[in-house]
Amino acid sequence: MKTVPRILVVEDEPAIAELVAVNLRHNGFQPVWAEDGEAAQRELDAVLPDAILLDWMLPGQGGLVLARKWRSAPRTKGIPILMLTARGDEPDKVAGLDAGADDYITKPFSTQELLARIRAVLRRRAPEQDLEAVTIGGLSLDAATHRVTWQGRQLKVGPTEFKLLNYLMKHPERVHSRGQLLDKVWGDHVFIEERTVDVHVKRLREALGDGGTMVETVRGAGYRLTAQPQSGTA
């Protein structure tokens, strides 16, 4: 017997929640509605869904806070989260992804777009997980303890930048296209814009300080991490 995917819809506007629920139900999903973070947490404590549609603006705890909370909790960290947001600006999208969201949908959205994005996160391949420590030149990364150091000094690196650096350091001197980095670092998120990679590379370089020159731009091809950076490639 085929299992019906359970989708938790966290949305405080009843009209939107009902519209989403009806479309989900008609397309083979089982929607469960929660109007705020507390109600959503009760649903999660009872039965884990296959994915969460999470509104950015909610009464009480907002969507970003909830995404971080659920992504850091062992029981819910593997559940795909799609942010529903009226905020379409790139910094807001990046903030949503950094908080742990797997994708974002900007209101107003079409039913077909919503369904396609849900199906995409449900079938996505999980990003590569590798907990071995690695050192290249003066840069060291320990995935098990989530630490990055440059010439012995510990650096503060954001969660998405950490995953990006981890992958680049495990595959040094190779050129990786933006699409390849999306697949390997974020997973198979076919709807996330490739420009997102550029934003995170910029932030990674800033976090690495002098070590940021090791992350090179290869024009027309993508990015690579090298132990012998050349001037003028950042």
C-alpha atoms as a PDB file:
ATOM      1  CA  MET A   1       0.000   0.000   0.000  1.00  0.00           C
ATOM      2  CA  LYS A   2       1.416   3.371  -1.009  1.00  0.00           C
ATOM      3  CA  THR A   3       2.057   5.803   1.848  1.00  0.00           C
ATOM      4  CA  VAL A   4       0.505   9.254   1.467  1.00  0.00           C
ATOM      5  CA  PRO A   5       3.137  11.957   2.172  1.00  0.00           C
ATOM      6  CA  ARG A   6       2.196  14.000   5.242  1.00  0.00           C
ATOM      7  CA  ILE A   7       2.795  17.771   4.877  1.00  0.00           C
ATOM      8  CA  LEU A   8       2.694  20.053   7.916  1.00  0.00           C
ATOM      9  CA  VAL A   9       1.411  23.507   6.850  1.00  0.00           C
ATOM     10  CA  VAL A  10       2.417  26.188   9.379  1.00  0.00           C
ATOM     11  CA  GLU A  11       0.440  29.256   8.276  1.00  0.00           C
ATOM     12  CA  ASP A  12      -1.520  31.778  10.370  1.00  0.00           C
ATOM     13  CA  GLU A  13      -3.809  32.968   7.545  1.00  0.00           C
ATOM     14  CA  PRO A  14      -6.735  30.491   7.359  1.00  0.00           C
ATOM     15  CA  ALA A  15      -7.621  31.347   3.737  1.00  0.00           C
ATOM     16  CA  ILE A  16      -4.098  30.574   2.510  1.00  0.00           C
ATOM     17  CA  ALA A  17      -3.839  27.464   4.684  1.00  0.00           C
ATOM     18  CA  GLU A  18      -7.162  26.149   3.357  1.00  0.00           C
ATOM     19  CA  LEU A  19      -6.186  26.813  -0.258  1.00  0.00           C
ATOM     20  CA  VAL A  20      -2.863  25.008   0.208  1.00  0.00           C
ATOM     21  CA  ALA A  21      -4.524  22.118   2.057  1.00  0.00           C
ATOM     22  CA  VAL A  22      -7.165  21.598  -0.633  1.00  0.00           C
ATOM     23  CA  ASN A  23      -4.563  21.517  -3.396  1.00  0.00           C
ATOM     24  CA  LEU A  24      -2.322  19.168  -1.441  1.00  0.00           C
ATOM     25  CA  ARG A  25      -5.221  16.809  -0.729  1.00  0.00           C
ATOM     26  CA  HIS A  26      -6.279  16.757  -4.385  1.00  0.00           C
ATOM     27  CA  ASN A  27      -2.740  15.871  -5.453  1.00  0.00           C
ATOM     28  CA  GLY A  28      -2.059  12.899  -3.226  1.00  0.00           C
ATOM     29  CA  PHE A  29      -0.749  14.542  -0.039  1.00  0.00           C
ATOM     30  CA  GLN A  30      -2.077  14.556   3.514  1.00  0.00           C
ATOM     31  CA  PRO A  31      -2.040  18.151   4.792  1.00  0.00           C
ATOM     32  CA  VAL A  32      -1.976  18.983   8.502  1.00  0.00           C
ATOM     33  CA  TRP A  33      -2.568  22.616   9.478  1.00  0.00           C
ATOM     34  CA  ALA A  34      -0.960  24.462  12.390  1.00  0.00           C
ATOM     35  CA  GLU A  35      -1.588  28.196  12.842  1.00  0.00           C
ATOM     36  CA  ASP A  36       1.512  28.977  14.918  1.00  0.00           C
ATOM     37  CA  GLY A  37       4.739  27.528  16.276  1.00  0.00           C
ATOM     38  CA  GLU A  38       3.156  26.001  19.376  1.00  0.00           C
ATOM     39  CA  ALA A  39       0.508  24.145  17.387  1.00  0.00           C
ATOM     40  CA  ALA A  40       3.164  23.007  14.902  1.00  0.00           C
ATOM     41  CA  GLN A  41       5.358  21.674  17.705  1.00  0.00           C
ATOM     42  CA  ARG A  42       2.412  19.647  19.070  1.00  0.00           C
ATOM     43  CA  GLU A  43       1.895  18.103  15.628  1.00  0.00           C
ATOM     44  CA  LEU A  44       5.618  17.310  15.345  1.00  0.00           C
ATOM     45  CA  ASP A  45       5.653  15.728  18.790  1.00  0.00           C
ATOM     46  CA  ALA A  46       2.720  13.511  17.783  1.00  0.00           C
ATOM     47  CA  VAL A  47       3.647  12.435  14.231  1.00  0.00           C
ATOM     48  CA  LEU A  48       6.612  13.503  12.095  1.00  0.00           C
ATOM     49  CA  PRO A  49       5.590  14.832   8.663  1.00  0.00           C
ATOM     50  CA  ASP A  50       7.413  14.154   5.394  1.00  0.00           C
ATOM     51  CA  ALA A  51       7.891  17.900   4.814  1.00  0.00           C
ATOM     52  CA  ILE A  52       7.038  21.237   6.422  1.00  0.00           C
ATOM     53  CA  LEU A  53       5.587  24.293   4.661  1.00  0.00           C
ATOM     54  CA  LEU A  54       6.581  27.109   7.010  1.00  0.00           C
ATOM     55  CA  ASP A  55       5.355  30.702   6.763  1.00  0.00           C
ATOM     56  CA  TRP A  56       8.025  33.357   7.385  1.00  0.00           C
ATOM     57  CA  MET A  57       5.709  35.708   9.305  1.00  0.00           C
ATOM     58  CA  LEU A  58       3.937  33.995  12.212  1.00  0.00           C
ATOM     59  CA  PRO A  59       2.541  35.164  15.557  1.00  0.00           C
ATOM     60  CA  GLY A  60       4.909  34.386  18.416  1.00  0.00           C
ATOM     61  CA  GLN A  61       7.975  32.573  17.117  1.00  0.00           C
ATOM     62  CA  GLY A  62       8.665  33.488  13.483  1.00  0.00           C
ATOM     63  CA  GLY A  63       9.484  31.091  10.688  1.00  0.00           C
ATOM     64  CA  LEU A  64      13.253  31.658  10.840  1.00  0.00           C
ATOM     65  CA  VAL A  65      13.351  30.888  14.574  1.00  0.00           C
ATOM     66  CA  LEU A  66      11.274  27.736  14.097  1.00  0.00           C
ATOM     67  CA  ALA A  67      13.388  26.568  11.147  1.00  0.00           C
ATOM     68  CA  ARG A  68      16.588  26.884  13.202  1.00  0.00           C
ATOM     69  CA  LYS A  69      14.959  25.130  16.160  1.00  0.00           C
ATOM     70  CA  TRP A  70      13.685  22.177  14.129  1.00  0.00           C
ATOM     71  CA  ARG A  71      16.881  21.880  12.091  1.00  0.00           C
ATOM     72  CA  SER A  72      18.989  21.654  15.262  1.00  0.00           C
ATOM     73  CA  ALA A  73      16.741  19.112  17.030  1.00  0.00           C
ATOM     74  CA  PRO A  74      17.842  15.478  16.418  1.00  0.00           C
ATOM     75  CA  ARG A  75      14.272  14.253  15.866  1.00  0.00           C
ATOM     76  CA  THR A  76      13.309  16.861  13.250  1.00  0.00           C
ATOM     77  CA  LYS A  77      16.624  17.806  11.624  1.00  0.00           C
ATOM     78  CA  GLY A  78      16.068  15.572   8.587  1.00  0.00           C
ATOM     79  CA  ILE A  79      12.605  16.902   7.659  1.00  0.00           C
ATOM     80  CA  PRO A  80      12.604  19.098   4.517  1.00  0.00           C
ATOM     81  CA  ILE A  81      11.447  22.668   5.232  1.00  0.00           C
ATOM     82  CA  LEU A  82      10.024  25.004   2.578  1.00  0.00           C
ATOM     83  CA  MET A  83       9.640  28.649   3.598  1.00  0.00           C
ATOM     84  CA  LEU A  84       6.488  30.454   2.448  1.00  0.00           C
ATOM     85  CA  THR A  85       7.382  34.115   2.252  1.00  0.00           C
ATOM     86  CA  ALA A  86       6.227  37.409   0.801  1.00  0.00           C
ATOM     87  CA  ARG A  87       9.852  38.547   1.102  1.00  0.00           C
ATOM     88  CA  GLY A  88      11.478  37.937  -2.259  1.00  0.00           C
ATOM     89  CA  ASP A  89      14.691  39.893  -1.752  1.00  0.00           C
ATOM     90  CA  GLU A  90      17.908  37.901  -2.035  1.00  0.00           C
ATOM     91  CA  PRO A  91      19.145  38.619   1.548  1.00  0.00           C
ATOM     92  CA  ASP A  92      15.841  37.275   2.889  1.00  0.00           C
ATOM     93  CA  LYS A  93      16.123  34.150   0.738  1.00  0.00           C
ATOM     94  CA  VAL A  94      19.666  33.569   1.939  1.00  0.00           C
ATOM     95  CA  ALA A  95      18.558  34.119   5.555  1.00  0.00           C
ATOM     96  CA  GLY A  96      15.895  31.446   5.092  1.00  0.00           C
ATOM     97  CA  LEU A  97      18.382  28.983   3.634  1.00  0.00           C
ATOM     98  CA  ASP A  98      20.878  29.750   6.399  1.00  0.00           C
ATOM     99  CA  ALA A  99      18.211  29.072   9.010  1.00  0.00           C
ATOM    100  CA  GLY A 100      17.915  25.553   7.633  1.00  0.00           C
ATOM    101  CA  ALA A 101      15.185  25.856   5.009  1.00  0.00           C
ATOM    102  CA  ASP A 102      15.608  23.563   1.993  1.00  0.00           C
ATOM    103  CA  ASP A 103      13.770  25.859  -0.393  1.00  0.00           C
ATOM    104  CA  TYR A 104      11.605  28.965  -0.406  1.00  0.00           C
ATOM    105  CA  ILE A 105       8.390  29.900  -2.197  1.00  0.00           C
ATOM    106  CA  THR A 106       7.556  33.575  -2.685  1.00  0.00           C
ATOM    107  CA  LYS A 107       3.902  34.625  -2.368  1.00  0.00           C
ATOM    108  CA  PRO A 108       1.854  34.769  -4.468  1.00  0.00           C
ATOM    109  CA  PHE A 109       2.693  31.360  -5.905  1.00  0.00           C
ATOM    110  CA  SER A 110       0.942  29.015  -8.325  1.00  0.00           C
ATOM    111  CA  THR A 111      -0.397  25.642  -7.237  1.00  0.00           C
ATOM    112  CA  GLN A 112       1.806  23.869  -9.780  1.00  0.00           C
ATOM    113  CA  GLU A 113       4.934  25.628  -8.501  1.00  0.00           C
ATOM    114  CA  LEU A 114       4.077  24.692  -4.915  1.00  0.00           C
ATOM    115  CA  LEU A 115       3.500  21.032  -5.792  1.00  0.00           C
ATOM    116  CA  ALA A 116       6.656  20.864  -7.916  1.00  0.00           C
ATOM    117  CA  ARG A 117       8.820  22.266  -5.124  1.00  0.00           C
ATOM    118  CA  ILE A 118       7.333  19.887  -2.557  1.00  0.00           C
ATOM    119  CA  ARG A 119       7.978  16.916  -4.834  1.00  0.00           C
ATOM    120  CA  ALA A 120      11.527  18.165  -5.451  1.00  0.00           C
ATOM    121  CA  VAL A 121      12.463  18.285  -1.761  1.00  0.00           C
ATOM    122  CA  LEU A 122      10.819  14.923  -1.099  1.00  0.00           C
ATOM    123  CA  ARG A 123      12.915  13.213  -3.772  1.00  0.00           C
ATOM    124  CA  ARG A 124      16.113  15.185  -3.263  1.00  0.00           C
ATOM    125  CA  ARG A 125      19.369  13.399  -2.676  1.00  0.00           C
ATOM    126  CA  ALA A 126      20.828  14.169   0.735  1.00  0.00           C
ATOM    127  CA  PRO A 127      24.034  16.236   0.659  1.00  0.00           C
ATOM    128  CA  GLU A 128      27.282  14.410   1.210  1.00  0.00           C
ATOM    129  CA  GLN A 129      28.237  13.894   4.853  1.00  0.00           C
ATOM    130  CA  ASP A 130      31.923  13.461   5.679  1.00  0.00           C
ATOM    131  CA  LEU A 131      33.148  13.961   9.242  1.00  0.00           C
ATOM    132  CA  GLU A 132      36.889  13.519   8.649  1.00  0.00           C
ATOM    133  CA  ALA A 133      39.179  16.450   9.479  1.00  0.00           C
ATOM    134  CA  VAL A 134      41.199  17.956   6.639  1.00  0.00           C
ATOM    135  CA  THR A 135      44.038  20.487   6.396  1.00  0.00           C
ATOM    136  CA  ILE A 136      45.157  22.333   3.268  1.00  0.00           C
ATOM    137  CA  GLY A 137      47.921  24.884   3.617  1.00  0.00           C
ATOM    138  CA  GLY A 138      47.143  27.027   6.664  1.00  0.00           C
ATOM    139  CA  LEU A 139      43.437  26.129   6.582  1.00  0.00           C
ATOM    140  CA  SER A 140      42.018  23.319   8.754  1.00  0.00           C
ATOM    141  CA  LEU A 141      38.457  22.033   9.098  1.00  0.00           C
ATOM    142  CA  ASP A 142      37.125  19.474  11.568  1.00  0.00           C
ATOM    143  CA  ALA A 143      33.581  18.465  10.609  1.00  0.00           C
ATOM    144  CA  ALA A 144      33.057  16.408  13.769  1.00  0.00           C
ATOM    145  CA  THR A 145      33.636  19.401  16.074  1.00  0.00           C
ATOM    146  CA  HIS A 146      32.451  21.995  13.508  1.00  0.00           C
ATOM    147  CA  ARG A 147      35.666  24.035  13.794  1.00  0.00           C
ATOM    148  CA  VAL A 148      37.606  25.950  11.163  1.00  0.00           C
ATOM    149  CA  THR A 149      41.052  27.407  11.819  1.00  0.00           C
ATOM    150  CA  TRP A 150      43.379  29.581   9.715  1.00  0.00           C
ATOM    151  CA  GLN A 151      47.035  29.399  10.721  1.00  0.00           C
ATOM    152  CA  GLY A 152      45.996  28.085  14.128  1.00  0.00           C
ATOM    153  CA  ARG A 153      43.360  30.754  14.799  1.00  0.00           C
ATOM    154  CA  GLN A 154      39.751  29.615  15.096  1.00  0.00           C
ATOM    155  CA  LEU A 155      37.312  31.321  12.711  1.00  0.00           C
ATOM    156  CA  LYS A 156      33.583  31.951  12.912  1.00  0.00           C
ATOM    157  CA  VAL A 157      31.953  30.378   9.847  1.00  0.00           C
ATOM    158  CA  GLY A 158      28.186  30.214   9.239  1.00  0.00           C
ATOM    159  CA  PRO A 159      26.458  26.810   8.842  1.00  0.00           C
ATOM    160  CA  THR A 160      25.977  26.971   5.076  1.00  0.00           C
ATOM    161  CA  GLU A 161      29.476  28.366   4.493  1.00  0.00           C
ATOM    162  CA  PHE A 162      30.846  25.563   6.680  1.00  0.00           C
ATOM    163  CA  LYS A 163      29.178  22.900   4.511  1.00  0.00           C
ATOM    164  CA  LEU A 164      30.456  24.615   1.370  1.00  0.00           C
ATOM    165  CA  LEU A 165      34.010  24.812   2.711  1.00  0.00           C
ATOM    166  CA  ASN A 166      33.854  21.195   3.879  1.00  0.00           C
ATOM    167  CA  TYR A 167      33.000  20.017   0.368  1.00  0.00           C
ATOM    168  CA  LEU A 168      35.592  22.222  -1.338  1.00  0.00           C
ATOM    169  CA  MET A 169      38.350  21.084   1.054  1.00  0.00           C
ATOM    170  CA  LYS A 170      37.453  17.413   0.532  1.00  0.00           C
ATOM    171  CA  HIS A 171      37.776  17.950  -3.244  1.00  0.00           C
ATOM    172  CA  PRO A 172      40.672  20.433  -3.581  1.00  0.00           C
ATOM    173  CA  GLU A 173      42.156  21.739  -6.840  1.00  0.00           C
ATOM    174  CA  ARG A 174      39.045  20.681  -8.762  1.00  0.00           C
ATOM    175  CA  VAL A 175      36.752  23.174 -10.470  1.00  0.00           C
ATOM    176  CA  HIS A 176      33.134  22.830  -9.346  1.00  0.00           C
ATOM    177  CA  SER A 177      30.270  24.454 -11.235  1.00  0.00           C
ATOM    178  CA  ARG A 178      27.546  26.250  -9.319  1.00  0.00           C
ATOM    179  CA  GLY A 179      25.110  23.473 -10.219  1.00  0.00           C
ATOM    180  CA  GLN A 180      27.472  20.806  -8.877  1.00  0.00           C
ATOM    181  CA  LEU A 181      27.922  22.722  -5.636  1.00  0.00           C
ATOM    182  CA  LEU A 182      24.141  23.046  -5.238  1.00  0.00           C
ATOM    183  CA  ASP A 183      23.745  19.273  -5.650  1.00  0.00           C
ATOM    184  CA  LYS A 184      26.631  18.328  -3.367  1.00  0.00           C
ATOM    185  CA  VAL A 185      26.223  20.926  -0.619  1.00  0.00           C
ATOM    186  CA  TRP A 186      22.497  21.703  -0.590  1.00  0.00           C
ATOM    187  CA  GLY A 187      21.231  18.465  -2.162  1.00  0.00           C
ATOM    188  CA  ASP A 188      19.155  18.110  -5.324  1.00  0.00           C
ATOM    189  CA  HIS A 189      17.293  21.407  -4.988  1.00  0.00           C
ATOM    190  CA  VAL A 190      16.398  22.014  -8.587  1.00  0.00           C
ATOM    191  CA  PHE A 191      14.635  25.322  -7.872  1.00  0.00           C
ATOM    192  CA  ILE A 192      17.330  27.115  -5.860  1.00  0.00           C
ATOM    193  CA  GLU A 193      18.992  29.789  -7.953  1.00  0.00           C
ATOM    194  CA  GLU A 194      22.670  29.296  -8.818  1.00  0.00           C
ATOM    195  CA  ARG A 195      23.263  32.904  -7.745  1.00  0.00           C
ATOM    196  CA  THR A 196      22.816  31.614  -4.165  1.00  0.00           C
ATOM    197  CA  VAL A 197      26.200  29.880  -4.480  1.00  0.00           C
ATOM    198  CA  ASP A 198      27.913  33.184  -5.321  1.00  0.00           C
ATOM    199  CA  VAL A 199      26.431  34.814  -2.221  1.00  0.00           C
ATOM    200  CA  HIS A 200      27.710  32.044   0.043  1.00  0.00           C
ATOM    201  CA  VAL A 201      31.160  31.981  -1.590  1.00  0.00           C
ATOM    202  CA  LYS A 202      31.452  35.725  -0.921  1.00  0.00           C
ATOM    203  CA  ARG A 203      30.464  35.212   2.708  1.00  0.00           C
ATOM    204  CA  LEU A 204      32.855  32.263   3.033  1.00  0.00           C
ATOM    205  CA  ARG A 205      35.776  34.347   1.754  1.00  0.00           C
ATOM    206  CA  GLU A 206      34.914  37.104   4.225  1.00  0.00           C
ATOM    207  CA  ALA A 207      34.817  34.585   7.096  1.00  0.00           C
ATOM    208  CA  LEU A 208      38.206  33.111   6.095  1.00  0.00           C
ATOM    209  CA  GLY A 209      39.917  36.511   6.060  1.00  0.00           C
ATOM    210  CA  ASP A 210      43.415  36.133   4.599  1.00  0.00           C
ATOM    211  CA  GLY A 211      42.612  32.480   3.841  1.00  0.00           C
ATOM    212  CA  GLY A 212      39.779  33.547   1.552  1.00  0.00           C
ATOM    213  CA  THR A 213      42.142  33.778  -1.420  1.00  0.00           C
ATOM    214  CA  MET A 214      42.283  29.964  -1.397  1.00  0.00           C
ATOM    215  CA  VAL A 215      38.721  29.934  -2.771  1.00  0.00           C
ATOM    216  CA  GLU A 216      39.248  30.871  -6.412  1.00  0.00           C
ATOM    217  CA  THR A 217      36.781  31.925  -9.063  1.00  0.00           C
ATOM    218  CA  VAL A 218      37.361  30.149 -12.367  1.00  0.00           C
ATOM    219  CA  ARG A 219      35.690  32.408 -14.905  1.00  0.00           C
ATOM    220  CA  GLY A 220      32.920  30.737 -16.854  1.00  0.00           C
ATOM    221  CA  ALA A 221      33.348  27.478 -14.935  1.00  0.00           C
ATOM    222  CA  GLY A 222      32.791  27.857 -11.184  1.00  0.00           C
ATOM    223  CA  TYR A 223      34.960  27.687  -8.060  1.00  0.00           C
ATOM    224  CA  ARG A 224      37.862  25.708  -6.679  1.00  0.00           C
ATOM    225  CA  LEU A 225      39.825  25.559  -3.455  1.00  0.00           C
ATOM    226  CA  THR A 226      43.592  25.589  -3.910  1.00  0.00           C
ATOM    227  CA  ALA A 227      46.598  25.484  -1.588  1.00  0.00           C
ATOM    228  CA  GLN A 228      48.451  27.842  -3.956  1.00  0.00           C
ATOM    229  CA  PRO A 229      46.135  30.797  -4.574  1.00  0.00           C
ATOM    230  CA  GLN A 230      46.969  33.166  -7.409  1.00  0.00           C
ATOM    231  CA  SER A 231      46.556  36.889  -6.998  1.00  0.00           C
ATOM    232  CA  GLY A 232      43.549  38.527  -8.586  1.00  0.00           C
ATOM    233  CA  THR A 233      41.313  35.426  -8.734  1.00  0.00           C
ATOM    234  CA  ALA A 234      38.961  36.256  -5.870  1.00  0.00           C
END
